[in-house]
Amino acid sequence: MSAGVTRYALALDLVDDAQRIADYEKAHEKIWPEVREHLRVHGVAQMEIYRLGTRLFMLMEVDPAVYSAERMAQASLDNPAIVRWETLMWTYQVPTPWTPAGEKWVPMAKIFDLAAQ
């Protein structure tokens, strides 16, 4: 990880339906330009999403001088393209059993770091 970057690990689930999972993956082959720009403007330097069954794992690296989850969430609500994207994504996604009501991607707890050993 680069200096000056903060990493987040987040989890979310997908609807347990093979077609919806395939459609979700297809949508991420090339995200909308407005979504990519929104992420970059809000300090997201790198983002990867992995899937195991219906569980999604997102690794997100952000510039802490720019990134604020609260500001990004508010800007998302004010951006019609992001609202459309998130509405579409919710047709594929479901909260994990541990996700607080009204939330989506939830942070995972870091329990091991080889570099710290």
PDB file of N, CA and C in Angstrom:
ATOM      1  N   MET A   1       0.852  -1.174   0.000  1.00  0.00           N
ATOM      2  CA  MET A   1       0.000   0.000   0.000  1.00  0.00           C
ATOM      3  C   MET A   1       0.897   1.236   0.000  1.00  0.00           C
ATOM      4  N   SER A   2       0.541   2.210  -0.783  1.00  0.00           N
ATOM      5  CA  SER A   2       1.307   3.443  -0.899  1.00  0.00           C
ATOM      6  C   SER A   2       1.190   4.280   0.370  1.00  0.00           C
ATOM      7  N   ALA A   3       2.233   5.052   0.651  1.00  0.00           N
ATOM      8  CA  ALA A   3       2.186   5.986   1.773  1.00  0.00           C
ATOM      9  C   ALA A   3       1.110   7.024   1.491  1.00  0.00           C
ATOM     10  N   GLY A   4       0.442   7.467   2.543  1.00  0.00           N
ATOM     11  CA  GLY A   4      -0.591   8.472   2.362  1.00  0.00           C
ATOM     12  C   GLY A   4      -1.901   7.925   1.847  1.00  0.00           C
ATOM     13  N   VAL A   5      -2.063   6.609   1.927  1.00  0.00           N
ATOM     14  CA  VAL A   5      -3.295   5.968   1.469  1.00  0.00           C
ATOM     15  C   VAL A   5      -3.894   5.204   2.643  1.00  0.00           C
ATOM     16  N   THR A   6      -5.203   5.277   2.783  1.00  0.00           N
ATOM     17  CA  THR A   6      -5.920   4.513   3.799  1.00  0.00           C
ATOM     18  C   THR A   6      -6.695   3.411   3.094  1.00  0.00           C
ATOM     19  N   ARG A   7      -6.646   2.215   3.635  1.00  0.00           N
ATOM     20  CA  ARG A   7      -7.321   1.059   3.034  1.00  0.00           C
ATOM     21  C   ARG A   7      -8.534   0.673   3.876  1.00  0.00           C
ATOM     22  N   TYR A   8      -9.616   0.376   3.190  1.00  0.00           N
ATOM     23  CA  TYR A   8     -10.834  -0.119   3.815  1.00  0.00           C
ATOM     24  C   TYR A   8     -11.188  -1.470   3.214  1.00  0.00           C
ATOM     25  N   ALA A   9     -11.636  -2.383   4.040  1.00  0.00           N
ATOM     26  CA  ALA A   9     -12.182  -3.662   3.595  1.00  0.00           C
ATOM     27  C   ALA A   9     -13.653  -3.657   3.983  1.00  0.00           C
ATOM     28  N   LEU A  10     -14.524  -3.887   2.995  1.00  0.00           N
ATOM     29  CA  LEU A  10     -15.961  -3.794   3.225  1.00  0.00           C
ATOM     30  C   LEU A  10     -16.661  -5.031   2.682  1.00  0.00           C
ATOM     31  N   ALA A  11     -17.831  -5.330   3.241  1.00  0.00           N
ATOM     32  CA  ALA A  11     -18.583  -6.508   2.817  1.00  0.00           C
ATOM     33  C   ALA A  11     -20.027  -6.150   2.499  1.00  0.00           C
ATOM     34  N   LEU A  12     -20.587  -6.912   1.593  1.00  0.00           N
ATOM     35  CA  LEU A  12     -21.988  -6.798   1.190  1.00  0.00           C
ATOM     36  C   LEU A  12     -22.363  -8.128   0.549  1.00  0.00           C
ATOM     37  N   ASP A  13     -23.626  -8.450   0.508  1.00  0.00           N
ATOM     38  CA  ASP A  13     -24.081  -9.689  -0.110  1.00  0.00           C
ATOM     39  C   ASP A  13     -24.838  -9.408  -1.402  1.00  0.00           C
ATOM     40  N   LEU A  14     -24.972 -10.453  -2.196  1.00  0.00           N
ATOM     41  CA  LEU A  14     -25.769 -10.408  -3.418  1.00  0.00           C
ATOM     42  C   LEU A  14     -27.006 -11.266  -3.246  1.00  0.00           C
ATOM     43  N   VAL A  15     -28.033 -10.928  -3.997  1.00  0.00           N
ATOM     44  CA  VAL A  15     -29.221 -11.770  -4.059  1.00  0.00           C
ATOM     45  C   VAL A  15     -28.771 -13.145  -4.558  1.00  0.00           C
ATOM     46  N   ASP A  16     -29.282 -14.195  -3.952  1.00  0.00           N
ATOM     47  CA  ASP A  16     -28.876 -15.562  -4.313  1.00  0.00           C
ATOM     48  C   ASP A  16     -29.626 -16.016  -5.567  1.00  0.00           C
ATOM     49  N   ASP A  17     -29.213 -15.458  -6.694  1.00  0.00           N
ATOM     50  CA  ASP A  17     -29.828 -15.756  -7.984  1.00  0.00           C
ATOM     51  C   ASP A  17     -28.738 -15.684  -9.046  1.00  0.00           C
ATOM     52  N   ALA A  18     -28.500 -16.781  -9.749  1.00  0.00           N
ATOM     53  CA  ALA A  18     -27.388 -16.860 -10.699  1.00  0.00           C
ATOM     54  C   ALA A  18     -27.454 -15.771 -11.771  1.00  0.00           C
ATOM     55  N   GLN A  19     -28.647 -15.474 -12.288  1.00  0.00           N
ATOM     56  CA  GLN A  19     -28.762 -14.450 -13.331  1.00  0.00           C
ATOM     57  C   GLN A  19     -28.445 -13.062 -12.793  1.00  0.00           C
ATOM     58  N   ARG A  20     -28.954 -12.773 -11.602  1.00  0.00           N
ATOM     59  CA  ARG A  20     -28.662 -11.454 -11.018  1.00  0.00           C
ATOM     60  C   ARG A  20     -27.176 -11.298 -10.705  1.00  0.00           C
ATOM     61  N   ILE A  21     -26.547 -12.363 -10.236  1.00  0.00           N
ATOM     62  CA  ILE A  21     -25.112 -12.311  -9.961  1.00  0.00           C
ATOM     63  C   ILE A  21     -24.356 -12.063 -11.269  1.00  0.00           C
ATOM     64  N   ALA A  22     -24.737 -12.758 -12.326  1.00  0.00           N
ATOM     65  CA  ALA A  22     -24.095 -12.558 -13.634  1.00  0.00           C
ATOM     66  C   ALA A  22     -24.299 -11.123 -14.118  1.00  0.00           C
ATOM     67  N   ASP A  23     -25.499 -10.595 -13.934  1.00  0.00           N
ATOM     68  CA  ASP A  23     -25.781  -9.212 -14.348  1.00  0.00           C
ATOM     69  C   ASP A  23     -24.959  -8.219 -13.531  1.00  0.00           C
ATOM     70  N   TYR A  24     -24.803  -8.472 -12.240  1.00  0.00           N
ATOM     71  CA  TYR A  24     -23.999  -7.601 -11.377  1.00  0.00           C
ATOM     72  C   TYR A  24     -22.547  -7.588 -11.857  1.00  0.00           C
ATOM     73  N   GLU A  25     -22.018  -8.757 -12.132  1.00  0.00           N
ATOM     74  CA  GLU A  25     -20.639  -8.832 -12.608  1.00  0.00           C
ATOM     75  C   GLU A  25     -20.494  -8.136 -13.963  1.00  0.00           C
ATOM     76  N   LYS A  26     -21.460  -8.309 -14.845  1.00  0.00           N
ATOM     77  CA  LYS A  26     -21.437  -7.650 -16.150  1.00  0.00           C
ATOM     78  C   LYS A  26     -21.423  -6.128 -15.986  1.00  0.00           C
ATOM     79  N   ALA A  27     -22.232  -5.620 -15.060  1.00  0.00           N
ATOM     80  CA  ALA A  27     -22.282  -4.173 -14.825  1.00  0.00           C
ATOM     81  C   ALA A  27     -20.936  -3.631 -14.361  1.00  0.00           C
ATOM     82  N   HIS A  28     -20.120  -4.477 -13.747  1.00  0.00           N
ATOM     83  CA  HIS A  28     -18.826  -4.031 -13.235  1.00  0.00           C
ATOM     84  C   HIS A  28     -17.672  -4.263 -14.214  1.00  0.00           C
ATOM     85  N   GLU A  29     -17.969  -4.856 -15.364  1.00  0.00           N
ATOM     86  CA  GLU A  29     -16.920  -4.996 -16.376  1.00  0.00           C
ATOM     87  C   GLU A  29     -16.472  -3.629 -16.871  1.00  0.00           C
ATOM     88  N   LYS A  30     -17.411  -2.694 -16.940  1.00  0.00           N
ATOM     89  CA  LYS A  30     -17.112  -1.312 -17.316  1.00  0.00           C
ATOM     90  C   LYS A  30     -18.163  -0.434 -16.645  1.00  0.00           C
ATOM     91  N   ILE A  31     -17.792   0.133 -15.498  1.00  0.00           N
ATOM     92  CA  ILE A  31     -18.752   0.964 -14.776  1.00  0.00           C
ATOM     93  C   ILE A  31     -19.025   2.246 -15.555  1.00  0.00           C
ATOM     94  N   TRP A  32     -20.124   2.874 -15.227  1.00  0.00           N
ATOM     95  CA  TRP A  32     -20.488   4.121 -15.891  1.00  0.00           C
ATOM     96  C   TRP A  32     -19.408   5.167 -15.640  1.00  0.00           C
ATOM     97  N   PRO A  33     -19.122   6.000 -16.628  1.00  0.00           N
ATOM     98  CA  PRO A  33     -18.107   7.054 -16.446  1.00  0.00           C
ATOM     99  C   PRO A  33     -18.422   7.984 -15.275  1.00  0.00           C
ATOM    100  N   GLU A  34     -19.701   8.264 -15.046  1.00  0.00           N
ATOM    101  CA  GLU A  34     -20.090   9.137 -13.937  1.00  0.00           C
ATOM    102  C   GLU A  34     -19.742   8.513 -12.588  1.00  0.00           C
ATOM    103  N   VAL A  35     -19.845   7.191 -12.504  1.00  0.00           N
ATOM    104  CA  VAL A  35     -19.507   6.493 -11.259  1.00  0.00           C
ATOM    105  C   VAL A  35     -18.003   6.552 -11.031  1.00  0.00           C
ATOM    106  N   ARG A  36     -17.227   6.269 -12.070  1.00  0.00           N
ATOM    107  CA  ARG A  36     -15.762   6.332 -11.966  1.00  0.00           C
ATOM    108  C   ARG A  36     -15.317   7.736 -11.549  1.00  0.00           C
ATOM    109  N   GLU A  37     -15.886   8.766 -12.185  1.00  0.00           N
ATOM    110  CA  GLU A  37     -15.528  10.149 -11.860  1.00  0.00           C
ATOM    111  C   GLU A  37     -15.900  10.496 -10.419  1.00  0.00           C
ATOM    112  N   HIS A  38     -17.075  10.062  -9.988  1.00  0.00           N
ATOM    113  CA  HIS A  38     -17.540  10.303  -8.614  1.00  0.00           C
ATOM    114  C   HIS A  38     -16.550   9.714  -7.604  1.00  0.00           C
ATOM    115  N   LEU A  39     -16.118   8.490  -7.856  1.00  0.00           N
ATOM    116  CA  LEU A  39     -15.163   7.851  -6.952  1.00  0.00           C
ATOM    117  C   LEU A  39     -13.856   8.627  -6.903  1.00  0.00           C
ATOM    118  N   ARG A  40     -13.334   8.976  -8.064  1.00  0.00           N
ATOM    119  CA  ARG A  40     -12.049   9.695  -8.136  1.00  0.00           C
ATOM    120  C   ARG A  40     -12.125  11.057  -7.454  1.00  0.00           C
ATOM    121  N   VAL A  41     -13.186  11.815  -7.729  1.00  0.00           N
ATOM    122  CA  VAL A  41     -13.348  13.152  -7.151  1.00  0.00           C
ATOM    123  C   VAL A  41     -13.376  13.096  -5.623  1.00  0.00           C
ATOM    124  N   HIS A  42     -13.900  12.008  -5.083  1.00  0.00           N
ATOM    125  CA  HIS A  42     -14.030  11.884  -3.628  1.00  0.00           C
ATOM    126  C   HIS A  42     -12.852  11.158  -2.984  1.00  0.00           C
ATOM    127  N   GLY A  43     -11.755  11.007  -3.731  1.00  0.00           N
ATOM    128  CA  GLY A  43     -10.526  10.509  -3.122  1.00  0.00           C
ATOM    129  C   GLY A  43     -10.317   9.011  -3.160  1.00  0.00           C
ATOM    130  N   VAL A  44     -11.148   8.288  -3.913  1.00  0.00           N
ATOM    131  CA  VAL A  44     -10.946   6.843  -4.030  1.00  0.00           C
ATOM    132  C   VAL A  44      -9.862   6.615  -5.079  1.00  0.00           C
ATOM    133  N   ALA A  45      -8.712   6.127  -4.613  1.00  0.00           N
ATOM    134  CA  ALA A  45      -7.567   5.912  -5.500  1.00  0.00           C
ATOM    135  C   ALA A  45      -7.634   4.551  -6.180  1.00  0.00           C
ATOM    136  N   GLN A  46      -8.137   3.553  -5.470  1.00  0.00           N
ATOM    137  CA  GLN A  46      -8.212   2.192  -6.000  1.00  0.00           C
ATOM    138  C   GLN A  46      -9.376   1.471  -5.345  1.00  0.00           C
ATOM    139  N   MET A  47     -10.057   0.644  -6.122  1.00  0.00           N
ATOM    140  CA  MET A  47     -11.164  -0.147  -5.596  1.00  0.00           C
ATOM    141  C   MET A  47     -11.191  -1.477  -6.337  1.00  0.00           C
ATOM    142  N   GLU A  48     -11.293  -2.537  -5.569  1.00  0.00           N
ATOM    143  CA  GLU A  48     -11.448  -3.886  -6.127  1.00  0.00           C
ATOM    144  C   GLU A  48     -12.602  -4.557  -5.406  1.00  0.00           C
ATOM    145  N   ILE A  49     -13.380  -5.346  -6.143  1.00  0.00           N
ATOM    146  CA  ILE A  49     -14.468  -6.114  -5.546  1.00  0.00           C
ATOM    147  C   ILE A  49     -14.242  -7.588  -5.889  1.00  0.00           C
ATOM    148  N   TYR A  50     -14.331  -8.432  -4.878  1.00  0.00           N
ATOM    149  CA  TYR A  50     -14.186  -9.875  -5.030  1.00  0.00           C
ATOM    150  C   TYR A  50     -15.491 -10.529  -4.603  1.00  0.00           C
ATOM    151  N   ARG A  51     -15.739 -11.721  -5.137  1.00  0.00           N
ATOM    152  CA  ARG A  51     -16.976 -12.443  -4.803  1.00  0.00           C
ATOM    153  C   ARG A  51     -16.674 -13.892  -4.464  1.00  0.00           C
ATOM    154  N   LEU A  52     -17.327 -14.391  -3.431  1.00  0.00           N
ATOM    155  CA  LEU A  52     -17.345 -15.807  -3.096  1.00  0.00           C
ATOM    156  C   LEU A  52     -18.803 -16.160  -2.858  1.00  0.00           C
ATOM    157  N   GLY A  53     -19.388 -16.922  -3.769  1.00  0.00           N
ATOM    158  CA  GLY A  53     -20.817 -17.212  -3.660  1.00  0.00           C
ATOM    159  C   GLY A  53     -21.597 -15.912  -3.754  1.00  0.00           C
ATOM    160  N   THR A  54     -22.349 -15.606  -2.713  1.00  0.00           N
ATOM    161  CA  THR A  54     -23.117 -14.363  -2.693  1.00  0.00           C
ATOM    162  C   THR A  54     -22.446 -13.272  -1.864  1.00  0.00           C
ATOM    163  N   ARG A  55     -21.305 -13.560  -1.269  1.00  0.00           N
ATOM    164  CA  ARG A  55     -20.607 -12.559  -0.445  1.00  0.00           C
ATOM    165  C   ARG A  55     -19.656 -11.736  -1.301  1.00  0.00           C
ATOM    166  N   LEU A  56     -19.754 -10.416  -1.167  1.00  0.00           N
ATOM    167  CA  LEU A  56     -18.849  -9.496  -1.844  1.00  0.00           C
ATOM    168  C   LEU A  56     -17.858  -8.937  -0.825  1.00  0.00           C
ATOM    169  N   PHE A  57     -16.626  -8.747  -1.271  1.00  0.00           N
ATOM    170  CA  PHE A  57     -15.578  -8.137  -0.469  1.00  0.00           C
ATOM    171  C   PHE A  57     -14.985  -7.008  -1.294  1.00  0.00           C
ATOM    172  N   MET A  58     -14.999  -5.799  -0.767  1.00  0.00           N
ATOM    173  CA  MET A  58     -14.444  -4.646  -1.456  1.00  0.00           C
ATOM    174  C   MET A  58     -13.189  -4.189  -0.728  1.00  0.00           C
ATOM    175  N   LEU A  59     -12.138  -4.004  -1.499  1.00  0.00           N
ATOM    176  CA  LEU A  59     -10.912  -3.411  -0.983  1.00  0.00           C
ATOM    177  C   LEU A  59     -10.825  -2.032  -1.609  1.00  0.00           C
ATOM    178  N   MET A  60     -10.814  -0.998  -0.775  1.00  0.00           N
ATOM    179  CA  MET A  60     -10.836   0.371  -1.259  1.00  0.00           C
ATOM    180  C   MET A  60      -9.676   1.136  -0.631  1.00  0.00           C
ATOM    181  N   GLU A  61      -8.888   1.772  -1.478  1.00  0.00           N
ATOM    182  CA  GLU A  61      -7.801   2.614  -1.008  1.00  0.00           C
ATOM    183  C   GLU A  61      -8.150   4.052  -1.330  1.00  0.00           C
ATOM    184  N   VAL A  62      -8.032   4.915  -0.323  1.00  0.00           N
ATOM    185  CA  VAL A  62      -8.444   6.304  -0.475  1.00  0.00           C
ATOM    186  C   VAL A  62      -7.332   7.249  -0.046  1.00  0.00           C
ATOM    187  N   ASP A  63      -7.405   8.454  -0.571  1.00  0.00           N
ATOM    188  CA  ASP A  63      -6.531   9.544  -0.153  1.00  0.00           C
ATOM    189  C   ASP A  63      -7.185  10.177   1.068  1.00  0.00           C
ATOM    190  N   PRO A  64      -6.621  10.014   2.262  1.00  0.00           N
ATOM    191  CA  PRO A  64      -7.281  10.524   3.458  1.00  0.00           C
ATOM    192  C   PRO A  64      -7.403  12.049   3.492  1.00  0.00           C
ATOM    193  N   ALA A  65      -6.621  12.743   2.683  1.00  0.00           N
ATOM    194  CA  ALA A  65      -6.728  14.199   2.626  1.00  0.00           C
ATOM    195  C   ALA A  65      -7.973  14.632   1.860  1.00  0.00           C
ATOM    196  N   VAL A  66      -8.546  13.730   1.065  1.00  0.00           N
ATOM    197  CA  VAL A  66      -9.700  14.061   0.227  1.00  0.00           C
ATOM    198  C   VAL A  66     -10.942  13.289   0.658  1.00  0.00           C
ATOM    199  N   TYR A  67     -10.784  12.014   0.992  1.00  0.00           N
ATOM    200  CA  TYR A  67     -11.910  11.114   1.222  1.00  0.00           C
ATOM    201  C   TYR A  67     -12.616  11.385   2.544  1.00  0.00           C
ATOM    202  N   SER A  68     -13.926  11.453   2.482  1.00  0.00           N
ATOM    203  CA  SER A  68     -14.801  11.480   3.648  1.00  0.00           C
ATOM    204  C   SER A  68     -16.036  10.667   3.278  1.00  0.00           C
ATOM    205  N   ALA A  69     -16.278   9.592   4.007  1.00  0.00           N
ATOM    206  CA  ALA A  69     -17.440   8.753   3.719  1.00  0.00           C
ATOM    207  C   ALA A  69     -18.728   9.566   3.793  1.00  0.00           C
ATOM    208  N   GLU A  70     -18.803  10.469   4.754  1.00  0.00           N
ATOM    209  CA  GLU A  70     -20.016  11.269   4.927  1.00  0.00           C
ATOM    210  C   GLU A  70     -20.221  12.215   3.743  1.00  0.00           C
ATOM    211  N   ARG A  71     -19.150  12.911   3.324  1.00  0.00           N
ATOM    212  CA  ARG A  71     -19.282  13.832   2.185  1.00  0.00           C
ATOM    213  C   ARG A  71     -19.600  13.071   0.903  1.00  0.00           C
ATOM    214  N   MET A  72     -18.977  11.927   0.733  1.00  0.00           N
ATOM    215  CA  MET A  72     -19.230  11.134  -0.472  1.00  0.00           C
ATOM    216  C   MET A  72     -20.671  10.626  -0.491  1.00  0.00           C
ATOM    217  N   ALA A  73     -21.162  10.197   0.656  1.00  0.00           N
ATOM    218  CA  ALA A  73     -22.548   9.718   0.732  1.00  0.00           C
ATOM    219  C   ALA A  73     -23.528  10.842   0.402  1.00  0.00           C
ATOM    220  N   GLN A  74     -23.286  12.034   0.935  1.00  0.00           N
ATOM    221  CA  GLN A  74     -24.173  13.165   0.640  1.00  0.00           C
ATOM    222  C   GLN A  74     -24.100  13.536  -0.834  1.00  0.00           C
ATOM    223  N   ALA A  75     -22.886  13.573  -1.391  1.00  0.00           N
ATOM    224  CA  ALA A  75     -22.722  13.896  -2.813  1.00  0.00           C
ATOM    225  C   ALA A  75     -23.400  12.843  -3.686  1.00  0.00           C
ATOM    226  N   SER A  76     -23.412  11.603  -3.232  1.00  0.00           N
ATOM    227  CA  SER A  76     -24.086  10.535  -3.979  1.00  0.00           C
ATOM    228  C   SER A  76     -25.572  10.814  -4.092  1.00  0.00           C
ATOM    229  N   LEU A  77     -26.165  11.292  -3.008  1.00  0.00           N
ATOM    230  CA  LEU A  77     -27.599  11.593  -2.999  1.00  0.00           C
ATOM    231  C   LEU A  77     -27.933  12.775  -3.886  1.00  0.00           C
ATOM    232  N   ASP A  78     -26.960  13.657  -4.099  1.00  0.00           N
ATOM    233  CA  ASP A  78     -27.172  14.862  -4.903  1.00  0.00           C
ATOM    234  C   ASP A  78     -26.836  14.669  -6.381  1.00  0.00           C
ATOM    235  N   ASN A  79     -26.378  13.477  -6.744  1.00  0.00           N
ATOM    236  CA  ASN A  79     -25.939  13.211  -8.114  1.00  0.00           C
ATOM    237  C   ASN A  79     -26.912  12.221  -8.773  1.00  0.00           C
ATOM    238  N   PRO A  80     -27.718  12.668  -9.734  1.00  0.00           N
ATOM    239  CA  PRO A  80     -28.728  11.779 -10.344  1.00  0.00           C
ATOM    240  C   PRO A  80     -28.140  10.501 -10.957  1.00  0.00           C
ATOM    241  N   ALA A  81     -26.965  10.571 -11.555  1.00  0.00           N
ATOM    242  CA  ALA A  81     -26.358   9.367 -12.148  1.00  0.00           C
ATOM    243  C   ALA A  81     -25.991   8.356 -11.063  1.00  0.00           C
ATOM    244  N   ILE A  82     -25.479   8.841  -9.943  1.00  0.00           N
ATOM    245  CA  ILE A  82     -25.109   7.935  -8.845  1.00  0.00           C
ATOM    246  C   ILE A  82     -26.360   7.350  -8.205  1.00  0.00           C
ATOM    247  N   VAL A  83     -27.398   8.137  -8.079  1.00  0.00           N
ATOM    248  CA  VAL A  83     -28.668   7.624  -7.554  1.00  0.00           C
ATOM    249  C   VAL A  83     -29.187   6.508  -8.464  1.00  0.00           C
ATOM    250  N   ARG A  84     -29.134   6.707  -9.793  1.00  0.00           N
ATOM    251  CA  ARG A  84     -29.575   5.660 -10.735  1.00  0.00           C
ATOM    252  C   ARG A  84     -28.709   4.411 -10.597  1.00  0.00           C
ATOM    253  N   TRP A  85     -27.381   4.589 -10.509  1.00  0.00           N
ATOM    254  CA  TRP A  85     -26.464   3.454 -10.370  1.00  0.00           C
ATOM    255  C   TRP A  85     -26.766   2.680  -9.081  1.00  0.00           C
ATOM    256  N   GLU A  86     -26.885   3.398  -7.979  1.00  0.00           N
ATOM    257  CA  GLU A  86     -27.130   2.728  -6.696  1.00  0.00           C
ATOM    258  C   GLU A  86     -28.495   2.041  -6.667  1.00  0.00           C
ATOM    259  N   THR A  87     -29.488   2.649  -7.304  1.00  0.00           N
ATOM    260  CA  THR A  87     -30.805   2.012  -7.400  1.00  0.00           C
ATOM    261  C   THR A  87     -30.702   0.709  -8.184  1.00  0.00           C
ATOM    262  N   LEU A  88     -29.964   0.738  -9.296  1.00  0.00           N
ATOM    263  CA  LEU A  88     -29.742  -0.479 -10.078  1.00  0.00           C
ATOM    264  C   LEU A  88     -28.988  -1.521  -9.259  1.00  0.00           C
ATOM    265  N   MET A  89     -27.916  -1.100  -8.566  1.00  0.00           N
ATOM    266  CA  MET A  89     -27.111  -2.050  -7.795  1.00  0.00           C
ATOM    267  C   MET A  89     -27.934  -2.720  -6.695  1.00  0.00           C
ATOM    268  N   TRP A  90     -28.861  -1.975  -6.097  1.00  0.00           N
ATOM    269  CA  TRP A  90     -29.687  -2.564  -5.046  1.00  0.00           C
ATOM    270  C   TRP A  90     -30.608  -3.656  -5.571  1.00  0.00           C
ATOM    271  N   THR A  91     -30.808  -3.748  -6.886  1.00  0.00           N
ATOM    272  CA  THR A  91     -31.607  -4.858  -7.413  1.00  0.00           C
ATOM    273  C   THR A  91     -30.821  -6.162  -7.359  1.00  0.00           C
ATOM    274  N   TYR A  92     -29.513  -6.066  -7.185  1.00  0.00           N
ATOM    275  CA  TYR A  92     -28.635  -7.238  -7.098  1.00  0.00           C
ATOM    276  C   TYR A  92     -28.151  -7.494  -5.675  1.00  0.00           C
ATOM    277  N   GLN A  93     -28.114  -6.472  -4.849  1.00  0.00           N
ATOM    278  CA  GLN A  93     -27.465  -6.547  -3.545  1.00  0.00           C
ATOM    279  C   GLN A  93     -28.471  -6.697  -2.407  1.00  0.00           C
ATOM    280  N   VAL A  94     -27.990  -7.288  -1.320  1.00  0.00           N
ATOM    281  CA  VAL A  94     -28.736  -7.356  -0.062  1.00  0.00           C
ATOM    282  C   VAL A  94     -27.738  -7.146   1.076  1.00  0.00           C
ATOM    283  N   PRO A  95     -28.191  -6.581   2.185  1.00  0.00           N
ATOM    284  CA  PRO A  95     -27.280  -6.396   3.318  1.00  0.00           C
ATOM    285  C   PRO A  95     -26.824  -7.738   3.877  1.00  0.00           C
ATOM    286  N   THR A  96     -25.647  -7.756   4.463  1.00  0.00           N
ATOM    287  CA  THR A  96     -25.204  -8.957   5.174  1.00  0.00           C
ATOM    288  C   THR A  96     -26.074  -9.108   6.428  1.00  0.00           C
ATOM    289  N   PRO A  97     -26.041 -10.260   7.078  1.00  0.00           N
ATOM    290  CA  PRO A  97     -26.796 -10.404   8.335  1.00  0.00           C
ATOM    291  C   PRO A  97     -26.310  -9.453   9.430  1.00  0.00           C
ATOM    292  N   TRP A  98     -25.118  -8.884   9.287  1.00  0.00           N
ATOM    293  CA  TRP A  98     -24.523  -8.019  10.306  1.00  0.00           C
ATOM    294  C   TRP A  98     -24.583  -6.543   9.944  1.00  0.00           C
ATOM    295  N   THR A  99     -25.237  -6.223   8.847  1.00  0.00           N
ATOM    296  CA  THR A  99     -25.311  -4.833   8.388  1.00  0.00           C
ATOM    297  C   THR A  99     -26.380  -4.075   9.163  1.00  0.00           C
ATOM    298  N   PRO A 100     -26.011  -2.942   9.768  1.00  0.00           N
ATOM    299  CA  PRO A 100     -27.025  -2.140  10.467  1.00  0.00           C
ATOM    300  C   PRO A 100     -28.099  -1.646   9.490  1.00  0.00           C
ATOM    301  N   ALA A 101     -29.294  -1.486   9.987  1.00  0.00           N
ATOM    302  CA  ALA A 101     -30.417  -1.017   9.170  1.00  0.00           C
ATOM    303  C   ALA A 101     -30.054   0.297   8.488  1.00  0.00           C
ATOM    304  N   GLY A 102     -30.403   0.387   7.208  1.00  0.00           N
ATOM    305  CA  GLY A 102     -30.171   1.604   6.451  1.00  0.00           C
ATOM    306  C   GLY A 102     -28.763   1.738   5.880  1.00  0.00           C
ATOM    307  N   GLU A 103     -27.892   0.764   6.132  1.00  0.00           N
ATOM    308  CA  GLU A 103     -26.530   0.817   5.601  1.00  0.00           C
ATOM    309  C   GLU A 103     -26.380  -0.194   4.478  1.00  0.00           C
ATOM    310  N   LYS A 104     -25.261  -0.111   3.781  1.00  0.00           N
ATOM    311  CA  LYS A 104     -25.010  -0.966   2.622  1.00  0.00           C
ATOM    312  C   LYS A 104     -23.677  -1.689   2.822  1.00  0.00           C
ATOM    313  N   TRP A 105     -22.618  -1.193   2.214  1.00  0.00           N
ATOM    314  CA  TRP A 105     -21.287  -1.769   2.417  1.00  0.00           C
ATOM    315  C   TRP A 105     -20.870  -1.504   3.862  1.00  0.00           C
ATOM    316  N   VAL A 106     -20.450  -2.537   4.575  1.00  0.00           N
ATOM    317  CA  VAL A 106     -20.035  -2.353   5.970  1.00  0.00           C
ATOM    318  C   VAL A 106     -18.566  -2.722   6.136  1.00  0.00           C
ATOM    319  N   PRO A 107     -17.865  -1.949   6.972  1.00  0.00           N
ATOM    320  CA  PRO A 107     -16.449  -2.227   7.206  1.00  0.00           C
ATOM    321  C   PRO A 107     -16.248  -3.573   7.888  1.00  0.00           C
ATOM    322  N   MET A 108     -15.196  -4.248   7.486  1.00  0.00           N
ATOM    323  CA  MET A 108     -14.808  -5.506   8.105  1.00  0.00           C
ATOM    324  C   MET A 108     -13.706  -5.207   9.125  1.00  0.00           C
ATOM    325  N   ALA A 109     -13.646  -6.001  10.173  1.00  0.00           N
ATOM    326  CA  ALA A 109     -12.630  -5.830  11.199  1.00  0.00           C
ATOM    327  C   ALA A 109     -11.343  -6.525  10.763  1.00  0.00           C
ATOM    328  N   LYS A 110     -10.250  -5.800  10.829  1.00  0.00           N
ATOM    329  CA  LYS A 110      -8.944  -6.369  10.508  1.00  0.00           C
ATOM    330  C   LYS A 110      -8.492  -7.199  11.704  1.00  0.00           C
ATOM    331  N   ILE A 111      -8.206  -8.473  11.463  1.00  0.00           N
ATOM    332  CA  ILE A 111      -7.817  -9.348  12.566  1.00  0.00           C
ATOM    333  C   ILE A 111      -6.395  -9.881  12.442  1.00  0.00           C
ATOM    334  N   PHE A 112      -5.727  -9.632  11.294  1.00  0.00           N
ATOM    335  CA  PHE A 112      -4.366 -10.106  11.128  1.00  0.00           C
ATOM    336  C   PHE A 112      -3.644  -9.223  10.128  1.00  0.00           C
ATOM    337  N   ASP A 113      -2.357  -8.997  10.412  1.00  0.00           N
ATOM    338  CA  ASP A 113      -1.511  -8.217   9.518  1.00  0.00           C
ATOM    339  C   ASP A 113      -0.104  -8.808   9.596  1.00  0.00           C
ATOM    340  N   LEU A 114       0.312  -9.486   8.551  1.00  0.00           N
ATOM    341  CA  LEU A 114       1.626 -10.127   8.530  1.00  0.00           C
ATOM    342  C   LEU A 114       2.741  -9.112   8.745  1.00  0.00           C
ATOM    343  N   ALA A 115       2.598  -7.905   8.189  1.00  0.00           N
ATOM    344  CA  ALA A 115       3.632  -6.873   8.330  1.00  0.00           C
ATOM    345  C   ALA A 115       3.808  -6.451   9.777  1.00  0.00           C
ATOM    346  N   ALA A 116       2.801  -6.632  10.598  1.00  0.00           N
ATOM    347  CA  ALA A 116       2.881  -6.226  12.008  1.00  0.00           C
ATOM    348  C   ALA A 116       3.465  -7.314  12.894  1.00  0.00           C
ATOM    349  N   GLN A 117       3.742  -8.462  12.338  1.00  0.00           N
ATOM    350  CA  GLN A 117       4.254  -9.591  13.126  1.00  0.00           C
ATOM    351  C   GLN A 117       5.744  -9.495  13.350  1.00  0.00           C
TER     352      GLN A 117
END
